[in-house]
Amino acid sequence: MSAPHAGTVAAMPAAPTAAFVLSNLLICSFLWGSSLLLVKLSGNLSPFVLAAMRGLIGAASLALWFAIQGKSILPQRHEWRIWAVLGTLNGWLPNVLIAYALTRIPTAPAGMIQASSPLIVATLSHLLFADERLTPQRLAGVLVGFAGMGILIGPAALPDSGIDATGVLIMVAVAFSYASANIYVRTVRQAVPARMALGQQICSGLVASLLALTVVGPDAFASVPSRLAPLLALGVLSTALPILLFMHLIHRTGPTRASMVGYLVPIWTTIMAVLFLDESIGWRELTGGAVVMTGVALVSLSGRLRRVR
């Protein structure tokens, strides 16, 4: 999959084939679906330290890929703002929030709440982009999806629900952050998707590292070597690789359809949580998650994809 020529991300390219979209969605969703599991397996690291290592390892992986191709990893003048915005909205901010939220709520429901991001993308895209207007089917999908969110997070408002409201609200904030980054990428016209992925991880790793050193101090990094295996997998396989693929997907399909990856991520996350973390899933989580994903499917599958010839 080749990136556009340097300095040009012009009008949306020709409609991608169904095979291109589905293969990228499956790969991205599986890799991103493993991220919450790997965060859990990273142990009791500070959320700031975990976000720092995730960003730094992701940046190093992408920088190595650029170096192998003989390409520069230094930012050009017009890239600074893009890198900073994506490094925040798609990098250190949600990474810190996710790490903290998972200390308060289980992995599977966290992934289901995060799956609401495509619904937010669809709503914002309708307001901002003429070619992303909500059709009746997409509007129905948004309403269904938010009803599912009500099932998932509504009981947290009850004092005796046993559901941690803080963890739930943090994951909602994560969904908004990812949605905002998705929308922002759609507005960028002077960048290469691969370089946006690189810059995002560089800024994410650097800012998270500064925050970790300031907030929790250098001693918080002492346990990193003992957690290196899951951290490497988190930085390379669950961060660098999927974001590189996803940047291309947004520019080929638009933010609404690309965000369909959120429809598949919680499926992988739930499977992994049950298999590897011994988490149990109740009827409320199953029902709410199913309703959310039905809404996301209605939003993301509307319209036509060009058939494979």
C-alpha atoms as a PDB file:
ATOM      1  CA  MET A   1       0.000   0.000   0.000  1.00  0.00           C
ATOM      2  CA  SER A   2       1.777   3.145  -1.211  1.00  0.00           C
ATOM      3  CA  ALA A   3       1.466   6.597   0.285  1.00  0.00           C
ATOM      4  CA  PRO A   4       0.696   9.668  -1.815  1.00  0.00           C
ATOM      5  CA  HIS A   5       3.625  11.673  -3.151  1.00  0.00           C
ATOM      6  CA  ALA A   6       5.292  13.825  -0.508  1.00  0.00           C
ATOM      7  CA  GLY A   7       3.501  17.088   0.109  1.00  0.00           C
ATOM      8  CA  THR A   8       0.299  16.070  -1.602  1.00  0.00           C
ATOM      9  CA  VAL A   9      -2.820  14.677  -0.062  1.00  0.00           C
ATOM     10  CA  ALA A  10      -5.248  16.129  -2.523  1.00  0.00           C
ATOM     11  CA  ALA A  11      -8.873  15.362  -3.163  1.00  0.00           C
ATOM     12  CA  MET A  12     -10.147  11.980  -2.103  1.00  0.00           C
ATOM     13  CA  PRO A  13      -8.770   9.237  -4.392  1.00  0.00           C
ATOM     14  CA  ALA A  14     -10.898   6.838  -6.374  1.00  0.00           C
ATOM     15  CA  ALA A  15     -13.253   4.663  -4.362  1.00  0.00           C
ATOM     16  CA  PRO A  16     -11.393   1.687  -2.863  1.00  0.00           C
ATOM     17  CA  THR A  17     -12.426  -1.888  -3.489  1.00  0.00           C
ATOM     18  CA  ALA A  18     -14.320  -3.856  -0.888  1.00  0.00           C
ATOM     19  CA  ALA A  19     -11.328  -6.175  -0.506  1.00  0.00           C
ATOM     20  CA  PHE A  20      -9.047  -3.233   0.328  1.00  0.00           C
ATOM     21  CA  VAL A  21     -11.429  -1.837   2.928  1.00  0.00           C
ATOM     22  CA  LEU A  22     -12.273  -5.138   4.609  1.00  0.00           C
ATOM     23  CA  SER A  23      -8.681  -6.394   4.776  1.00  0.00           C
ATOM     24  CA  ASN A  24      -7.459  -3.149   6.326  1.00  0.00           C
ATOM     25  CA  LEU A  25     -10.366  -3.029   8.745  1.00  0.00           C
ATOM     26  CA  LEU A  26      -9.742  -6.600   9.907  1.00  0.00           C
ATOM     27  CA  ILE A  27      -6.014  -6.088  10.401  1.00  0.00           C
ATOM     28  CA  CYS A  28      -6.391  -2.734  12.164  1.00  0.00           C
ATOM     29  CA  SER A  29      -9.204  -3.939  14.400  1.00  0.00           C
ATOM     30  CA  PHE A  30      -7.339  -7.078  15.476  1.00  0.00           C
ATOM     31  CA  LEU A  31      -4.144  -5.162  16.272  1.00  0.00           C
ATOM     32  CA  TRP A  32      -5.990  -2.375  18.087  1.00  0.00           C
ATOM     33  CA  GLY A  33      -8.208  -4.924  19.812  1.00  0.00           C
ATOM     34  CA  SER A  34      -5.117  -6.420  21.436  1.00  0.00           C
ATOM     35  CA  SER A  35      -4.012  -3.059  22.874  1.00  0.00           C
ATOM     36  CA  LEU A  36      -6.263  -3.123  25.955  1.00  0.00           C
ATOM     37  CA  LEU A  37      -5.119  -6.653  26.742  1.00  0.00           C
ATOM     38  CA  LEU A  38      -1.468  -5.589  26.476  1.00  0.00           C
ATOM     39  CA  VAL A  39      -2.109  -2.545  28.675  1.00  0.00           C
ATOM     40  CA  LYS A  40      -3.479  -4.907  31.330  1.00  0.00           C
ATOM     41  CA  LEU A  41      -0.517  -7.275  30.919  1.00  0.00           C
ATOM     42  CA  SER A  42       1.884  -4.369  31.395  1.00  0.00           C
ATOM     43  CA  GLY A  43       1.031  -4.483  35.080  1.00  0.00           C
ATOM     44  CA  ASN A  44       0.885  -1.617  37.526  1.00  0.00           C
ATOM     45  CA  LEU A  45       2.914   0.891  35.553  1.00  0.00           C
ATOM     46  CA  SER A  46       1.887   4.524  35.938  1.00  0.00           C
ATOM     47  CA  PRO A  47      -0.508   5.556  33.147  1.00  0.00           C
ATOM     48  CA  PHE A  48       1.962   8.298  32.187  1.00  0.00           C
ATOM     49  CA  VAL A  49       4.876   5.840  31.999  1.00  0.00           C
ATOM     50  CA  LEU A  50       2.813   3.360  30.007  1.00  0.00           C
ATOM     51  CA  ALA A  51       1.752   6.086  27.566  1.00  0.00           C
ATOM     52  CA  ALA A  52       5.356   7.270  27.286  1.00  0.00           C
ATOM     53  CA  MET A  53       6.702   3.801  26.485  1.00  0.00           C
ATOM     54  CA  ARG A  54       3.880   3.116  24.045  1.00  0.00           C
ATOM     55  CA  GLY A  55       4.591   6.342  22.176  1.00  0.00           C
ATOM     56  CA  LEU A  56       8.377   6.008  22.215  1.00  0.00           C
ATOM     57  CA  ILE A  57       8.358   2.389  21.050  1.00  0.00           C
ATOM     58  CA  GLY A  58       5.800   3.208  18.375  1.00  0.00           C
ATOM     59  CA  ALA A  59       7.884   6.185  17.205  1.00  0.00           C
ATOM     60  CA  ALA A  60      11.085   4.129  17.153  1.00  0.00           C
ATOM     61  CA  SER A  61       9.361   1.413  15.085  1.00  0.00           C
ATOM     62  CA  LEU A  62       8.102   3.879  12.494  1.00  0.00           C
ATOM     63  CA  ALA A  63      11.416   5.760  12.449  1.00  0.00           C
ATOM     64  CA  LEU A  64      13.226   2.489  11.706  1.00  0.00           C
ATOM     65  CA  TRP A  65      10.792   1.788   8.871  1.00  0.00           C
ATOM     66  CA  PHE A  66      11.498   5.251   7.445  1.00  0.00           C
ATOM     67  CA  ALA A  67      15.267   4.796   7.831  1.00  0.00           C
ATOM     68  CA  ILE A  68      15.196   1.472   5.978  1.00  0.00           C
ATOM     69  CA  GLN A  69      13.561   3.294   3.068  1.00  0.00           C
ATOM     70  CA  GLY A  70      16.109   6.105   3.251  1.00  0.00           C
ATOM     71  CA  LYS A  71      13.475   8.713   4.171  1.00  0.00           C
ATOM     72  CA  SER A  72      13.885  11.578   6.603  1.00  0.00           C
ATOM     73  CA  ILE A  73      12.155  11.447   9.965  1.00  0.00           C
ATOM     74  CA  LEU A  74      12.621  15.164  10.661  1.00  0.00           C
ATOM     75  CA  PRO A  75       9.441  17.266  10.518  1.00  0.00           C
ATOM     76  CA  GLN A  76       8.954  19.807   7.765  1.00  0.00           C
ATOM     77  CA  ARG A  77       7.679  23.260   8.637  1.00  0.00           C
ATOM     78  CA  HIS A  78       4.039  22.569   7.806  1.00  0.00           C
ATOM     79  CA  GLU A  79       4.045  19.273   9.740  1.00  0.00           C
ATOM     80  CA  TRP A  80       4.680  20.602  13.240  1.00  0.00           C
ATOM     81  CA  ARG A  81       1.060  21.476  13.989  1.00  0.00           C
ATOM     82  CA  ILE A  82      -0.268  18.266  12.436  1.00  0.00           C
ATOM     83  CA  TRP A  83       2.104  16.146  14.489  1.00  0.00           C
ATOM     84  CA  ALA A  84       1.288  18.018  17.693  1.00  0.00           C
ATOM     85  CA  VAL A  85      -2.490  17.788  17.244  1.00  0.00           C
ATOM     86  CA  LEU A  86      -2.457  14.079  16.373  1.00  0.00           C
ATOM     87  CA  GLY A  87       0.131  13.347  19.057  1.00  0.00           C
ATOM     88  CA  THR A  88      -2.362  14.714  21.566  1.00  0.00           C
ATOM     89  CA  LEU A  89      -5.781  13.594  20.280  1.00  0.00           C
ATOM     90  CA  ASN A  90      -4.650  10.223  18.940  1.00  0.00           C
ATOM     91  CA  GLY A  91      -1.628   9.696  21.169  1.00  0.00           C
ATOM     92  CA  TRP A  92      -0.614  10.566  24.703  1.00  0.00           C
ATOM     93  CA  LEU A  93      -4.009  11.858  25.905  1.00  0.00           C
ATOM     94  CA  PRO A  94      -6.122   8.761  25.121  1.00  0.00           C
ATOM     95  CA  ASN A  95      -3.198   6.478  26.018  1.00  0.00           C
ATOM     96  CA  VAL A  96      -2.973   7.977  29.516  1.00  0.00           C
ATOM     97  CA  LEU A  97      -6.753   7.927  29.925  1.00  0.00           C
ATOM     98  CA  ILE A  98      -7.063   4.296  28.796  1.00  0.00           C
ATOM     99  CA  ALA A  99      -4.312   3.141  31.133  1.00  0.00           C
ATOM    100  CA  TYR A 100      -6.039   4.850  34.064  1.00  0.00           C
ATOM    101  CA  ALA A 101      -9.552   3.731  33.100  1.00  0.00           C
ATOM    102  CA  LEU A 102      -8.449   0.094  33.010  1.00  0.00           C
ATOM    103  CA  THR A 103      -7.480   0.350  36.676  1.00  0.00           C
ATOM    104  CA  ARG A 104     -11.161   1.061  37.431  1.00  0.00           C
ATOM    105  CA  ILE A 105     -13.250  -0.925  34.935  1.00  0.00           C
ATOM    106  CA  PRO A 106     -12.780  -4.271  33.121  1.00  0.00           C
ATOM    107  CA  THR A 107     -11.275  -4.483  29.646  1.00  0.00           C
ATOM    108  CA  ALA A 108     -14.317  -5.708  27.716  1.00  0.00           C
ATOM    109  CA  PRO A 109     -16.775  -2.921  28.673  1.00  0.00           C
ATOM    110  CA  ALA A 110     -13.993  -0.366  28.206  1.00  0.00           C
ATOM    111  CA  GLY A 111     -13.585  -1.570  24.636  1.00  0.00           C
ATOM    112  CA  MET A 112     -17.334  -1.428  24.057  1.00  0.00           C
ATOM    113  CA  ILE A 113     -17.531   2.177  25.256  1.00  0.00           C
ATOM    114  CA  GLN A 114     -14.575   3.090  23.058  1.00  0.00           C
ATOM    115  CA  ALA A 115     -16.509   1.588  20.145  1.00  0.00           C
ATOM    116  CA  SER A 116     -18.842   4.600  20.244  1.00  0.00           C
ATOM    117  CA  SER A 117     -16.148   6.700  18.551  1.00  0.00           C
ATOM    118  CA  PRO A 118     -17.541   6.068  15.014  1.00  0.00           C
ATOM    119  CA  LEU A 119     -20.911   7.426  16.145  1.00  0.00           C
ATOM    120  CA  ILE A 120     -19.251  10.638  17.284  1.00  0.00           C
ATOM    121  CA  VAL A 121     -17.319  10.789  14.012  1.00  0.00           C
ATOM    122  CA  ALA A 122     -20.519  10.393  12.000  1.00  0.00           C
ATOM    123  CA  THR A 123     -22.268  13.158  13.937  1.00  0.00           C
ATOM    124  CA  LEU A 124     -19.375  15.617  13.662  1.00  0.00           C
ATOM    125  CA  SER A 125     -18.759  14.758  10.010  1.00  0.00           C
ATOM    126  CA  HIS A 126     -22.389  15.541   9.237  1.00  0.00           C
ATOM    127  CA  LEU A 127     -21.916  19.014  10.689  1.00  0.00           C
ATOM    128  CA  LEU A 128     -18.523  19.704   9.102  1.00  0.00           C
ATOM    129  CA  PHE A 129     -18.330  17.987   5.688  1.00  0.00           C
ATOM    130  CA  ALA A 130     -20.808  18.258   2.840  1.00  0.00           C
ATOM    131  CA  ASP A 131     -19.874  14.805   1.481  1.00  0.00           C
ATOM    132  CA  GLU A 132     -20.397  13.118   4.862  1.00  0.00           C
ATOM    133  CA  ARG A 133     -24.038  14.055   5.457  1.00  0.00           C
ATOM    134  CA  LEU A 134     -26.129  11.652   7.506  1.00  0.00           C
ATOM    135  CA  THR A 135     -28.504   9.680   5.331  1.00  0.00           C
ATOM    136  CA  PRO A 136     -31.667   8.274   6.983  1.00  0.00           C
ATOM    137  CA  GLN A 137     -29.830   4.966   7.513  1.00  0.00           C
ATOM    138  CA  ARG A 138     -26.813   6.649   9.090  1.00  0.00           C
ATOM    139  CA  LEU A 139     -29.027   8.778  11.308  1.00  0.00           C
ATOM    140  CA  ALA A 140     -30.842   5.653  12.466  1.00  0.00           C
ATOM    141  CA  GLY A 141     -27.471   4.055  13.147  1.00  0.00           C
ATOM    142  CA  VAL A 142     -26.337   7.005  15.261  1.00  0.00           C
ATOM    143  CA  LEU A 143     -29.562   6.894  17.318  1.00  0.00           C
ATOM    144  CA  VAL A 144     -29.328   3.129  17.787  1.00  0.00           C
ATOM    145  CA  GLY A 145     -25.666   3.380  18.745  1.00  0.00           C
ATOM    146  CA  PHE A 146     -26.245   6.042  21.359  1.00  0.00           C
ATOM    147  CA  ALA A 147     -29.117   3.966  22.770  1.00  0.00           C
ATOM    148  CA  GLY A 148     -26.604   1.156  23.200  1.00  0.00           C
ATOM    149  CA  MET A 149     -24.276   3.559  24.985  1.00  0.00           C
ATOM    150  CA  GLY A 150     -27.132   4.354  27.341  1.00  0.00           C
ATOM    151  CA  ILE A 151     -27.475   0.659  28.159  1.00  0.00           C
ATOM    152  CA  LEU A 152     -23.725   0.367  28.758  1.00  0.00           C
ATOM    153  CA  ILE A 153     -23.048   3.469  30.820  1.00  0.00           C
ATOM    154  CA  GLY A 154     -26.460   4.630  32.072  1.00  0.00           C
ATOM    155  CA  PRO A 155     -26.494   2.421  35.200  1.00  0.00           C
ATOM    156  CA  ALA A 156     -23.214   4.044  36.305  1.00  0.00           C
ATOM    157  CA  ALA A 157     -25.270   7.063  37.371  1.00  0.00           C
ATOM    158  CA  LEU A 158     -27.036   4.931  39.999  1.00  0.00           C
ATOM    159  CA  PRO A 159     -25.281   4.948  43.398  1.00  0.00           C
ATOM    160  CA  ASP A 160     -25.684   1.207  44.025  1.00  0.00           C
ATOM    161  CA  SER A 161     -24.930  -0.015  40.522  1.00  0.00           C
ATOM    162  CA  GLY A 162     -21.412  -1.245  41.323  1.00  0.00           C
ATOM    163  CA  ILE A 163     -20.211   0.373  38.086  1.00  0.00           C
ATOM    164  CA  ASP A 164     -17.322   2.802  38.390  1.00  0.00           C
ATOM    165  CA  ALA A 165     -18.659   6.052  36.914  1.00  0.00           C
ATOM    166  CA  THR A 166     -15.197   7.634  36.715  1.00  0.00           C
ATOM    167  CA  GLY A 167     -13.804   4.805  34.615  1.00  0.00           C
ATOM    168  CA  VAL A 168     -16.837   4.934  32.341  1.00  0.00           C
ATOM    169  CA  LEU A 169     -16.589   8.707  31.812  1.00  0.00           C
ATOM    170  CA  ILE A 170     -12.873   8.442  31.117  1.00  0.00           C
ATOM    171  CA  MET A 171     -13.527   5.910  28.348  1.00  0.00           C
ATOM    172  CA  VAL A 172     -16.186   8.232  26.891  1.00  0.00           C
ATOM    173  CA  ALA A 173     -13.510  10.947  26.832  1.00  0.00           C
ATOM    174  CA  VAL A 174     -11.214   8.510  25.027  1.00  0.00           C
ATOM    175  CA  ALA A 175     -13.882   7.944  22.373  1.00  0.00           C
ATOM    176  CA  PHE A 176     -14.252  11.712  21.870  1.00  0.00           C
ATOM    177  CA  SER A 177     -10.491  12.149  21.596  1.00  0.00           C
ATOM    178  CA  TYR A 178     -10.152   9.468  18.931  1.00  0.00           C
ATOM    179  CA  ALA A 179     -13.165  10.858  17.057  1.00  0.00           C
ATOM    180  CA  SER A 180     -11.684  14.357  17.073  1.00  0.00           C
ATOM    181  CA  ALA A 181      -8.399  13.035  15.681  1.00  0.00           C
ATOM    182  CA  ASN A 182     -10.278  11.171  12.951  1.00  0.00           C
ATOM    183  CA  ILE A 183     -12.086  14.357  11.934  1.00  0.00           C
ATOM    184  CA  TYR A 184      -8.865  16.386  12.022  1.00  0.00           C
ATOM    185  CA  VAL A 185      -7.094  13.961   9.667  1.00  0.00           C
ATOM    186  CA  ARG A 186      -9.926  14.467   7.183  1.00  0.00           C
ATOM    187  CA  THR A 187      -9.104  18.203   7.062  1.00  0.00           C
ATOM    188  CA  VAL A 188      -5.381  17.791   6.409  1.00  0.00           C
ATOM    189  CA  ARG A 189      -4.353  18.526   2.832  1.00  0.00           C
ATOM    190  CA  GLN A 190      -0.581  18.902   3.026  1.00  0.00           C
ATOM    191  CA  ALA A 191       0.722  15.705   4.574  1.00  0.00           C
ATOM    192  CA  VAL A 192       1.623  12.099   3.836  1.00  0.00           C
ATOM    193  CA  PRO A 193      -0.317   9.521   5.880  1.00  0.00           C
ATOM    194  CA  ALA A 194       2.816   7.595   6.895  1.00  0.00           C
ATOM    195  CA  ARG A 195       4.474  10.776   8.115  1.00  0.00           C
ATOM    196  CA  MET A 196       1.398  11.710  10.112  1.00  0.00           C
ATOM    197  CA  ALA A 197       1.604   8.319  11.823  1.00  0.00           C
ATOM    198  CA  LEU A 198       5.305   8.873  12.549  1.00  0.00           C
ATOM    199  CA  GLY A 199       4.825  12.401  13.858  1.00  0.00           C
ATOM    200  CA  GLN A 200       1.898  11.370  15.988  1.00  0.00           C
ATOM    201  CA  GLN A 201       3.980   8.771  17.803  1.00  0.00           C
ATOM    202  CA  ILE A 202       7.001  11.049  18.190  1.00  0.00           C
ATOM    203  CA  CYS A 203       4.942  13.805  19.787  1.00  0.00           C
ATOM    204  CA  SER A 204       2.944  11.320  21.838  1.00  0.00           C
ATOM    205  CA  GLY A 205       6.060   9.666  23.243  1.00  0.00           C
ATOM    206  CA  LEU A 206       7.890  12.912  23.989  1.00  0.00           C
ATOM    207  CA  VAL A 207       4.962  14.651  25.700  1.00  0.00           C
ATOM    208  CA  ALA A 208       4.018  11.553  27.708  1.00  0.00           C
ATOM    209  CA  SER A 209       7.660  11.150  28.789  1.00  0.00           C
ATOM    210  CA  LEU A 210       7.827  14.758  29.993  1.00  0.00           C
ATOM    211  CA  LEU A 211       4.558  14.311  31.874  1.00  0.00           C
ATOM    212  CA  ALA A 212       5.771  11.057  33.431  1.00  0.00           C
ATOM    213  CA  LEU A 213       9.030  12.631  34.606  1.00  0.00           C
ATOM    214  CA  THR A 214       7.175  15.659  35.975  1.00  0.00           C
ATOM    215  CA  VAL A 215       4.172  13.972  37.564  1.00  0.00           C
ATOM    216  CA  VAL A 216       5.541  10.656  38.873  1.00  0.00           C
ATOM    217  CA  GLY A 217       9.327  11.075  38.567  1.00  0.00           C
ATOM    218  CA  PRO A 218      12.153   8.990  37.006  1.00  0.00           C
ATOM    219  CA  ASP A 219      11.725   6.159  39.533  1.00  0.00           C
ATOM    220  CA  ALA A 220       8.418   5.245  37.896  1.00  0.00           C
ATOM    221  CA  PHE A 221      10.387   3.878  34.916  1.00  0.00           C
ATOM    222  CA  ALA A 222      12.282   1.397  37.118  1.00  0.00           C
ATOM    223  CA  SER A 223       9.859  -1.477  36.469  1.00  0.00           C
ATOM    224  CA  VAL A 224       9.837  -1.005  32.685  1.00  0.00           C
ATOM    225  CA  PRO A 225      12.506  -3.697  31.955  1.00  0.00           C
ATOM    226  CA  SER A 226      10.423  -6.383  33.667  1.00  0.00           C
ATOM    227  CA  ARG A 227       7.444  -5.437  31.474  1.00  0.00           C
ATOM    228  CA  LEU A 228       9.361  -5.024  28.236  1.00  0.00           C
ATOM    229  CA  ALA A 229       7.693  -7.855  26.277  1.00  0.00           C
ATOM    230  CA  PRO A 230       4.097  -6.582  26.519  1.00  0.00           C
ATOM    231  CA  LEU A 231       5.325  -2.985  26.098  1.00  0.00           C
ATOM    232  CA  LEU A 232       7.143  -3.857  22.875  1.00  0.00           C
ATOM    233  CA  ALA A 233       4.069  -5.639  21.546  1.00  0.00           C
ATOM    234  CA  LEU A 234       1.910  -2.669  22.576  1.00  0.00           C
ATOM    235  CA  GLY A 235       4.178  -0.113  20.906  1.00  0.00           C
ATOM    236  CA  VAL A 236       4.909  -2.009  17.690  1.00  0.00           C
ATOM    237  CA  LEU A 237       1.958  -4.275  16.945  1.00  0.00           C
ATOM    238  CA  SER A 238      -0.895  -2.439  18.673  1.00  0.00           C
ATOM    239  CA  THR A 239       0.188   1.145  17.979  1.00  0.00           C
ATOM    240  CA  ALA A 240       2.674   1.806  15.174  1.00  0.00           C
ATOM    241  CA  LEU A 241       1.426  -0.717  12.624  1.00  0.00           C
ATOM    242  CA  PRO A 242      -2.352  -0.149  12.913  1.00  0.00           C
ATOM    243  CA  ILE A 243      -2.095   3.652  12.956  1.00  0.00           C
ATOM    244  CA  LEU A 244       0.010   3.541   9.789  1.00  0.00           C
ATOM    245  CA  LEU A 245      -2.639   1.440   8.066  1.00  0.00           C
ATOM    246  CA  PHE A 246      -5.481   3.530   9.459  1.00  0.00           C
ATOM    247  CA  MET A 247      -4.057   6.826   8.169  1.00  0.00           C
ATOM    248  CA  HIS A 248      -4.130   5.378   4.646  1.00  0.00           C
ATOM    249  CA  LEU A 249      -7.638   4.058   5.185  1.00  0.00           C
ATOM    250  CA  ILE A 250      -9.017   7.471   6.235  1.00  0.00           C
ATOM    251  CA  HIS A 251      -7.616   9.134   3.127  1.00  0.00           C
ATOM    252  CA  ARG A 252      -8.947   6.401   0.848  1.00  0.00           C
ATOM    253  CA  THR A 253     -12.444   6.053   2.313  1.00  0.00           C
ATOM    254  CA  GLY A 254     -13.217   9.116   4.465  1.00  0.00           C
ATOM    255  CA  PRO A 255     -13.526   9.266   8.264  1.00  0.00           C
ATOM    256  CA  THR A 256     -16.977   7.745   8.627  1.00  0.00           C
ATOM    257  CA  ARG A 257     -16.307   4.494   6.788  1.00  0.00           C
ATOM    258  CA  ALA A 258     -12.738   4.206   8.091  1.00  0.00           C
ATOM    259  CA  SER A 259     -14.038   4.508  11.639  1.00  0.00           C
ATOM    260  CA  MET A 260     -15.907   1.239  11.049  1.00  0.00           C
ATOM    261  CA  VAL A 261     -12.787  -0.280  12.567  1.00  0.00           C
ATOM    262  CA  GLY A 262     -14.416   0.653  15.869  1.00  0.00           C
ATOM    263  CA  TYR A 263     -17.195  -1.826  15.041  1.00  0.00           C
ATOM    264  CA  LEU A 264     -14.713  -4.700  15.051  1.00  0.00           C
ATOM    265  CA  VAL A 265     -12.256  -3.674  17.785  1.00  0.00           C
ATOM    266  CA  PRO A 266     -14.551  -4.481  20.768  1.00  0.00           C
ATOM    267  CA  ILE A 267     -15.232  -7.931  19.360  1.00  0.00           C
ATOM    268  CA  TRP A 268     -11.515  -8.754  19.425  1.00  0.00           C
ATOM    269  CA  THR A 269     -11.099  -7.004  22.787  1.00  0.00           C
ATOM    270  CA  THR A 270     -13.915  -9.006  24.387  1.00  0.00           C
ATOM    271  CA  ILE A 271     -12.641 -12.318  23.019  1.00  0.00           C
ATOM    272  CA  MET A 272      -9.143 -11.615  24.344  1.00  0.00           C
ATOM    273  CA  ALA A 273     -10.425 -10.421  27.728  1.00  0.00           C
ATOM    274  CA  VAL A 274     -12.419 -13.627  28.213  1.00  0.00           C
ATOM    275  CA  LEU A 275      -9.634 -15.926  26.977  1.00  0.00           C
ATOM    276  CA  PHE A 276      -6.595 -14.323  28.586  1.00  0.00           C
ATOM    277  CA  LEU A 277      -7.873 -12.210  31.494  1.00  0.00           C
ATOM    278  CA  ASP A 278     -10.680 -14.481  32.722  1.00  0.00           C
ATOM    279  CA  GLU A 279     -13.159 -11.619  32.565  1.00  0.00           C
ATOM    280  CA  SER A 280     -16.858 -12.440  32.651  1.00  0.00           C
ATOM    281  CA  ILE A 281     -19.351 -10.598  30.470  1.00  0.00           C
ATOM    282  CA  GLY A 282     -22.864  -9.932  31.778  1.00  0.00           C
ATOM    283  CA  TRP A 283     -26.101  -9.546  29.840  1.00  0.00           C
ATOM    284  CA  ARG A 284     -26.004  -5.753  30.169  1.00  0.00           C
ATOM    285  CA  GLU A 285     -22.571  -5.577  28.562  1.00  0.00           C
ATOM    286  CA  LEU A 286     -23.537  -8.031  25.843  1.00  0.00           C
ATOM    287  CA  THR A 287     -26.794  -6.225  25.081  1.00  0.00           C
ATOM    288  CA  GLY A 288     -25.311  -2.724  25.188  1.00  0.00           C
ATOM    289  CA  GLY A 289     -22.289  -3.732  23.148  1.00  0.00           C
ATOM    290  CA  ALA A 290     -24.437  -5.453  20.545  1.00  0.00           C
ATOM    291  CA  VAL A 291     -26.701  -2.394  20.220  1.00  0.00           C
ATOM    292  CA  VAL A 292     -23.715  -0.050  19.921  1.00  0.00           C
ATOM    293  CA  MET A 293     -22.124  -2.188  17.227  1.00  0.00           C
ATOM    294  CA  THR A 294     -25.425  -2.469  15.366  1.00  0.00           C
ATOM    295  CA  GLY A 295     -25.581   1.313  15.261  1.00  0.00           C
ATOM    296  CA  VAL A 296     -21.978   1.566  14.101  1.00  0.00           C
ATOM    297  CA  ALA A 297     -22.664  -0.998  11.389  1.00  0.00           C
ATOM    298  CA  LEU A 298     -25.678   0.976  10.144  1.00  0.00           C
ATOM    299  CA  VAL A 299     -23.531   4.105   9.988  1.00  0.00           C
ATOM    300  CA  SER A 300     -20.464   2.533   8.440  1.00  0.00           C
ATOM    301  CA  LEU A 301     -22.032   0.141   5.955  1.00  0.00           C
ATOM    302  CA  SER A 302     -24.354   2.673   4.342  1.00  0.00           C
ATOM    303  CA  GLY A 303     -23.486   3.629   0.791  1.00  0.00           C
ATOM    304  CA  ARG A 304     -21.699   1.478  -1.702  1.00  0.00           C
ATOM    305  CA  LEU A 305     -18.249   0.006  -1.926  1.00  0.00           C
ATOM    306  CA  ARG A 306     -16.896  -0.770  -5.331  1.00  0.00           C
ATOM    307  CA  ARG A 307     -17.034  -4.491  -5.961  1.00  0.00           C
ATOM    308  CA  VAL A 308     -13.839  -6.435  -6.537  1.00  0.00           C
ATOM    309  CA  ARG A 309     -13.471  -7.128 -10.228  1.00  0.00           C
END
